[in-house]
N, C-alpha and C. Protein backbone atom coordinates (compact mmCIF):
# COMPACT_ATOMS: atom_id res chain seq x y z
N MET A 1 -1.95 47.10 -13.57
CA MET A 1 -0.98 47.79 -12.74
C MET A 1 -0.05 46.79 -12.06
N ALA A 2 -0.60 45.64 -11.65
CA ALA A 2 0.23 44.63 -10.99
C ALA A 2 1.31 44.11 -11.94
N GLN A 3 0.98 43.99 -13.23
CA GLN A 3 1.95 43.53 -14.21
C GLN A 3 3.12 44.51 -14.30
N THR A 4 2.83 45.78 -14.24
CA THR A 4 3.88 46.80 -14.31
C THR A 4 4.81 46.69 -13.10
N GLU A 5 4.23 46.50 -11.92
CA GLU A 5 5.03 46.36 -10.71
C GLU A 5 5.89 45.10 -10.79
N LEU A 6 5.31 44.04 -11.32
CA LEU A 6 6.06 42.79 -11.48
C LEU A 6 7.22 42.99 -12.44
N GLN A 7 6.98 43.67 -13.55
CA GLN A 7 8.05 43.90 -14.53
C GLN A 7 9.16 44.75 -13.93
N LYS A 8 8.79 45.75 -13.11
CA LYS A 8 9.80 46.59 -12.45
C LYS A 8 10.67 45.74 -11.52
N ALA A 9 10.04 44.82 -10.78
CA ALA A 9 10.78 43.96 -9.85
C ALA A 9 11.72 43.04 -10.62
N ILE A 10 11.26 42.51 -11.76
CA ILE A 10 12.12 41.63 -12.57
C ILE A 10 13.29 42.41 -13.13
N ASP A 11 13.04 43.62 -13.64
CA ASP A 11 14.12 44.45 -14.18
C ASP A 11 15.15 44.77 -13.10
N LYS A 12 14.69 45.06 -11.89
CA LYS A 12 15.59 45.36 -10.78
C LYS A 12 16.45 44.15 -10.45
N LEU A 13 15.83 42.97 -10.46
CA LEU A 13 16.56 41.73 -10.18
C LEU A 13 17.63 41.48 -11.23
N VAL A 14 17.29 41.70 -12.50
CA VAL A 14 18.24 41.48 -13.59
C VAL A 14 19.43 42.43 -13.48
N GLN A 15 19.17 43.67 -13.07
CA GLN A 15 20.27 44.64 -12.91
C GLN A 15 21.18 44.26 -11.75
N ARG A 16 20.58 43.75 -10.68
CA ARG A 16 21.36 43.42 -9.49
C ARG A 16 22.09 42.09 -9.64
N GLU A 17 21.46 41.11 -10.30
CA GLU A 17 22.03 39.77 -10.48
C GLU A 17 22.16 39.48 -11.97
N PRO A 18 23.33 39.67 -12.57
CA PRO A 18 23.48 39.52 -14.02
C PRO A 18 23.15 38.12 -14.55
N GLY A 19 23.25 37.09 -13.74
CA GLY A 19 22.95 35.74 -14.20
C GLY A 19 21.49 35.56 -14.61
N TRP A 20 20.60 36.38 -14.09
CA TRP A 20 19.19 36.27 -14.41
C TRP A 20 18.90 36.69 -15.84
N LYS A 21 19.75 37.53 -16.42
CA LYS A 21 19.52 37.98 -17.80
C LYS A 21 19.56 36.77 -18.74
N GLU A 22 20.49 35.85 -18.51
CA GLU A 22 20.60 34.64 -19.33
C GLU A 22 19.40 33.72 -19.09
N PHE A 23 18.96 33.64 -17.84
CA PHE A 23 17.84 32.78 -17.48
C PHE A 23 16.53 33.26 -18.12
N LEU A 24 16.36 34.55 -18.25
CA LEU A 24 15.11 35.11 -18.76
C LEU A 24 15.04 35.19 -20.27
N LYS A 25 16.08 34.75 -20.98
CA LYS A 25 16.03 34.76 -22.44
C LYS A 25 14.94 33.81 -22.90
N PRO A 26 14.23 34.15 -23.98
CA PRO A 26 13.19 33.24 -24.47
C PRO A 26 13.80 31.94 -24.99
N ALA A 27 13.03 30.88 -24.86
CA ALA A 27 13.49 29.56 -25.32
C ALA A 27 13.61 29.57 -26.84
N PRO A 28 14.56 28.82 -27.41
CA PRO A 28 14.68 28.76 -28.86
C PRO A 28 13.45 28.12 -29.49
N ASP A 29 13.16 28.52 -30.70
CA ASP A 29 12.01 27.99 -31.43
C ASP A 29 12.30 26.55 -31.84
N ALA A 30 11.50 25.61 -31.32
CA ALA A 30 11.73 24.19 -31.59
C ALA A 30 11.52 23.85 -33.06
N SER A 31 10.69 24.61 -33.76
CA SER A 31 10.46 24.31 -35.17
C SER A 31 11.68 24.65 -36.02
N ALA A 32 12.59 25.46 -35.49
CA ALA A 32 13.79 25.81 -36.25
C ALA A 32 14.83 24.70 -36.22
N ILE A 33 14.64 23.72 -35.34
CA ILE A 33 15.59 22.61 -35.25
C ILE A 33 15.28 21.62 -36.37
N GLY A 34 16.26 21.31 -37.17
CA GLY A 34 16.08 20.42 -38.30
C GLY A 34 15.97 18.97 -37.87
N PRO A 35 15.76 18.08 -38.83
CA PRO A 35 15.66 16.65 -38.51
C PRO A 35 16.99 16.14 -37.99
N SER A 36 16.93 15.10 -37.19
CA SER A 36 18.16 14.53 -36.65
C SER A 36 18.18 13.02 -36.87
N ILE A 37 19.35 12.46 -36.75
CA ILE A 37 19.54 11.03 -36.97
C ILE A 37 18.83 10.25 -35.86
N GLY A 38 18.17 9.18 -36.23
CA GLY A 38 17.55 8.31 -35.26
C GLY A 38 16.13 8.67 -34.89
N VAL A 39 15.58 9.70 -35.50
CA VAL A 39 14.22 10.08 -35.20
C VAL A 39 13.28 9.25 -36.07
N GLY A 40 12.38 8.52 -35.44
CA GLY A 40 11.45 7.69 -36.18
C GLY A 40 10.25 8.47 -36.68
N LYS A 41 9.63 7.97 -37.68
CA LYS A 41 8.41 8.55 -38.23
C LYS A 41 7.24 7.64 -37.88
N PRO A 42 6.13 8.21 -37.40
CA PRO A 42 5.00 7.36 -37.05
C PRO A 42 4.38 6.72 -38.29
N LYS A 43 3.86 5.51 -38.11
CA LYS A 43 3.16 4.82 -39.19
C LYS A 43 1.82 5.52 -39.41
N GLY A 44 1.22 5.25 -40.51
CA GLY A 44 -0.08 5.84 -40.79
C GLY A 44 -1.08 5.51 -39.70
N GLY A 45 -1.83 6.51 -39.23
CA GLY A 45 -2.82 6.30 -38.20
C GLY A 45 -2.28 6.48 -36.80
N GLN A 46 -0.97 6.58 -36.64
CA GLN A 46 -0.42 6.78 -35.32
C GLN A 46 -0.23 8.26 -35.07
N SER A 47 -0.32 8.64 -33.81
CA SER A 47 -0.10 10.04 -33.46
C SER A 47 1.39 10.34 -33.45
N ALA A 48 1.73 11.62 -33.51
CA ALA A 48 3.14 12.02 -33.50
C ALA A 48 3.79 11.69 -32.17
N ALA A 49 2.99 11.51 -31.11
CA ALA A 49 3.54 11.18 -29.80
C ALA A 49 3.93 9.71 -29.71
N GLY A 50 3.67 8.93 -30.75
CA GLY A 50 4.07 7.53 -30.77
C GLY A 50 2.99 6.58 -30.34
N GLY A 51 1.79 7.09 -30.12
CA GLY A 51 0.69 6.22 -29.72
C GLY A 51 0.23 5.36 -30.87
N GLY A 52 -0.46 4.31 -30.56
CA GLY A 52 -0.98 3.42 -31.57
C GLY A 52 -2.25 3.97 -32.20
N GLY A 53 -2.91 3.16 -32.95
CA GLY A 53 -4.11 3.59 -33.64
C GLY A 53 -5.36 3.26 -32.88
N GLY A 54 -5.43 3.52 -31.61
CA GLY A 54 -6.63 3.27 -30.84
C GLY A 54 -6.46 2.16 -29.84
N ASP A 55 -7.59 1.71 -29.32
CA ASP A 55 -7.58 0.65 -28.30
C ASP A 55 -7.06 -0.66 -28.87
N LEU A 56 -6.46 -1.45 -28.00
CA LEU A 56 -5.98 -2.77 -28.40
C LEU A 56 -7.09 -3.79 -28.17
N THR A 57 -7.25 -4.68 -29.12
CA THR A 57 -8.23 -5.75 -29.01
C THR A 57 -7.50 -7.08 -29.18
N GLU A 58 -7.70 -7.97 -28.22
CA GLU A 58 -7.04 -9.28 -28.32
C GLU A 58 -7.65 -10.05 -29.48
N ARG A 59 -6.79 -10.55 -30.35
CA ARG A 59 -7.27 -11.25 -31.55
C ARG A 59 -7.99 -12.53 -31.19
N SER A 60 -7.37 -13.36 -30.38
CA SER A 60 -7.98 -14.62 -30.00
C SER A 60 -7.35 -15.11 -28.70
N PHE A 61 -8.21 -15.56 -27.82
CA PHE A 61 -7.72 -16.12 -26.56
C PHE A 61 -6.82 -17.33 -26.81
N ALA A 62 -7.10 -18.05 -27.88
CA ALA A 62 -6.33 -19.25 -28.22
C ALA A 62 -4.89 -18.92 -28.63
N GLU A 63 -4.61 -17.67 -29.01
CA GLU A 63 -3.25 -17.28 -29.42
C GLU A 63 -2.33 -16.97 -28.24
N ARG A 64 -2.87 -16.95 -27.03
CA ARG A 64 -2.02 -16.70 -25.86
C ARG A 64 -1.00 -17.82 -25.70
N VAL A 65 0.20 -17.45 -25.26
CA VAL A 65 1.26 -18.43 -25.01
C VAL A 65 1.62 -18.30 -23.53
N TYR A 66 1.74 -19.45 -22.85
CA TYR A 66 2.04 -19.47 -21.43
C TYR A 66 3.40 -20.10 -21.18
N TYR A 67 4.04 -19.70 -20.06
CA TYR A 67 5.29 -20.33 -19.64
C TYR A 67 4.96 -21.72 -19.11
N ALA A 68 5.76 -22.70 -19.51
CA ALA A 68 5.56 -24.07 -19.03
C ALA A 68 5.99 -24.17 -17.57
N ASN A 69 5.16 -24.74 -16.76
CA ASN A 69 5.45 -25.00 -15.35
C ASN A 69 5.81 -23.75 -14.54
N LYS A 70 5.28 -22.59 -14.94
CA LYS A 70 5.50 -21.36 -14.18
C LYS A 70 4.12 -20.85 -13.76
N TYR A 71 3.95 -20.69 -12.45
CA TYR A 71 2.65 -20.26 -11.92
C TYR A 71 2.82 -19.05 -11.02
N ILE A 72 1.81 -18.22 -11.00
CA ILE A 72 1.78 -17.05 -10.13
C ILE A 72 0.68 -17.29 -9.10
N LYS A 73 1.03 -17.13 -7.82
CA LYS A 73 0.05 -17.34 -6.76
C LYS A 73 -0.55 -16.00 -6.34
N SER A 74 -1.80 -16.04 -5.91
CA SER A 74 -2.43 -14.84 -5.37
C SER A 74 -1.77 -14.51 -4.04
N SER A 75 -1.97 -13.28 -3.55
CA SER A 75 -1.28 -12.85 -2.34
C SER A 75 -1.65 -13.68 -1.12
N ASP A 76 -2.87 -14.24 -1.10
CA ASP A 76 -3.25 -15.07 0.04
C ASP A 76 -2.92 -16.55 -0.17
N GLY A 77 -2.41 -16.91 -1.37
CA GLY A 77 -1.99 -18.26 -1.66
C GLY A 77 -3.12 -19.22 -2.01
N LEU A 78 -4.35 -18.72 -2.11
CA LEU A 78 -5.48 -19.60 -2.41
C LEU A 78 -5.59 -19.95 -3.88
N PHE A 79 -5.13 -19.06 -4.75
CA PHE A 79 -5.27 -19.27 -6.18
C PHE A 79 -3.91 -19.25 -6.85
N SER A 80 -3.78 -19.99 -7.94
CA SER A 80 -2.56 -19.91 -8.75
C SER A 80 -2.98 -19.87 -10.22
N PHE A 81 -2.21 -19.11 -11.00
CA PHE A 81 -2.49 -18.92 -12.41
C PHE A 81 -1.23 -19.23 -13.21
N GLN A 82 -1.41 -19.85 -14.36
CA GLN A 82 -0.25 -20.11 -15.22
C GLN A 82 0.24 -18.77 -15.75
N ALA A 83 1.55 -18.58 -15.75
CA ALA A 83 2.16 -17.31 -16.14
C ALA A 83 2.05 -17.09 -17.65
N LEU A 84 1.53 -15.94 -18.02
CA LEU A 84 1.36 -15.57 -19.43
C LEU A 84 2.70 -15.15 -20.03
N LYS A 85 3.06 -15.73 -21.17
CA LYS A 85 4.31 -15.38 -21.85
C LYS A 85 4.07 -14.31 -22.89
N SER A 86 3.01 -14.44 -23.72
CA SER A 86 2.74 -13.42 -24.74
C SER A 86 1.27 -13.46 -25.13
N ALA A 87 0.81 -12.33 -25.65
CA ALA A 87 -0.55 -12.19 -26.17
C ALA A 87 -0.48 -11.32 -27.41
N THR A 88 -1.36 -11.56 -28.37
CA THR A 88 -1.37 -10.82 -29.63
C THR A 88 -2.62 -9.97 -29.73
N PHE A 89 -2.43 -8.71 -30.09
CA PHE A 89 -3.52 -7.74 -30.17
C PHE A 89 -3.55 -7.09 -31.55
N THR A 90 -4.66 -6.40 -31.84
CA THR A 90 -4.80 -5.60 -33.04
C THR A 90 -5.21 -4.20 -32.60
N ASP A 91 -4.58 -3.15 -33.16
CA ASP A 91 -4.99 -1.80 -32.80
C ASP A 91 -6.05 -1.29 -33.78
N GLY A 92 -6.46 -0.04 -33.64
CA GLY A 92 -7.51 0.54 -34.45
C GLY A 92 -7.17 0.64 -35.93
N THR A 93 -5.88 0.63 -36.27
CA THR A 93 -5.48 0.72 -37.68
C THR A 93 -5.30 -0.66 -38.30
N GLY A 94 -5.48 -1.71 -37.51
CA GLY A 94 -5.32 -3.07 -38.01
C GLY A 94 -3.92 -3.63 -37.84
N ALA A 95 -3.02 -2.84 -37.24
CA ALA A 95 -1.66 -3.33 -37.01
C ALA A 95 -1.65 -4.39 -35.92
N VAL A 96 -0.87 -5.44 -36.11
CA VAL A 96 -0.77 -6.52 -35.14
C VAL A 96 0.32 -6.16 -34.13
N ILE A 97 -0.01 -6.28 -32.86
CA ILE A 97 0.91 -5.96 -31.78
C ILE A 97 1.03 -7.17 -30.87
N LYS A 98 2.26 -7.64 -30.67
CA LYS A 98 2.50 -8.79 -29.79
C LYS A 98 3.20 -8.28 -28.54
N ILE A 99 2.64 -8.60 -27.39
CA ILE A 99 3.23 -8.20 -26.12
C ILE A 99 3.80 -9.45 -25.46
N THR A 100 5.10 -9.40 -25.14
CA THR A 100 5.79 -10.52 -24.51
C THR A 100 6.18 -10.12 -23.10
N PHE A 101 5.84 -10.95 -22.13
CA PHE A 101 6.10 -10.68 -20.72
C PHE A 101 7.32 -11.45 -20.25
N GLN A 102 8.01 -10.87 -19.26
CA GLN A 102 9.15 -11.52 -18.63
C GLN A 102 8.66 -12.71 -17.83
N PRO A 103 9.50 -13.74 -17.67
CA PRO A 103 9.09 -14.87 -16.83
C PRO A 103 8.96 -14.42 -15.37
N PRO A 104 8.07 -15.03 -14.62
CA PRO A 104 7.92 -14.64 -13.21
C PRO A 104 9.14 -15.06 -12.41
N PRO A 105 9.40 -14.37 -11.31
CA PRO A 105 10.55 -14.75 -10.47
C PRO A 105 10.31 -16.11 -9.82
N GLN A 106 11.41 -16.79 -9.53
CA GLN A 106 11.32 -18.14 -8.93
C GLN A 106 10.87 -18.07 -7.50
């Protein structure tokens, strides 16, 4: 019964305010939209949302590359770490992924 009352209120609103008729139209069917230029296709093993093939695993600690003479200090200033420039990983499908970081601010 509440649904009927709600529908009556919506119909009354649409009659009184014509702009609501356009607002209440159903959304177009997204599957009816054809392919477009610039749309990439996921590689095998990747989801359609663009995710990789699972968790990333670092291939080797020795493959890390660091910025020369660039250090990051802890917030209390007691520790400093050499700034990481890039690291190489492998995802669940075996694809190699290299992540490159921006240099730290001066």
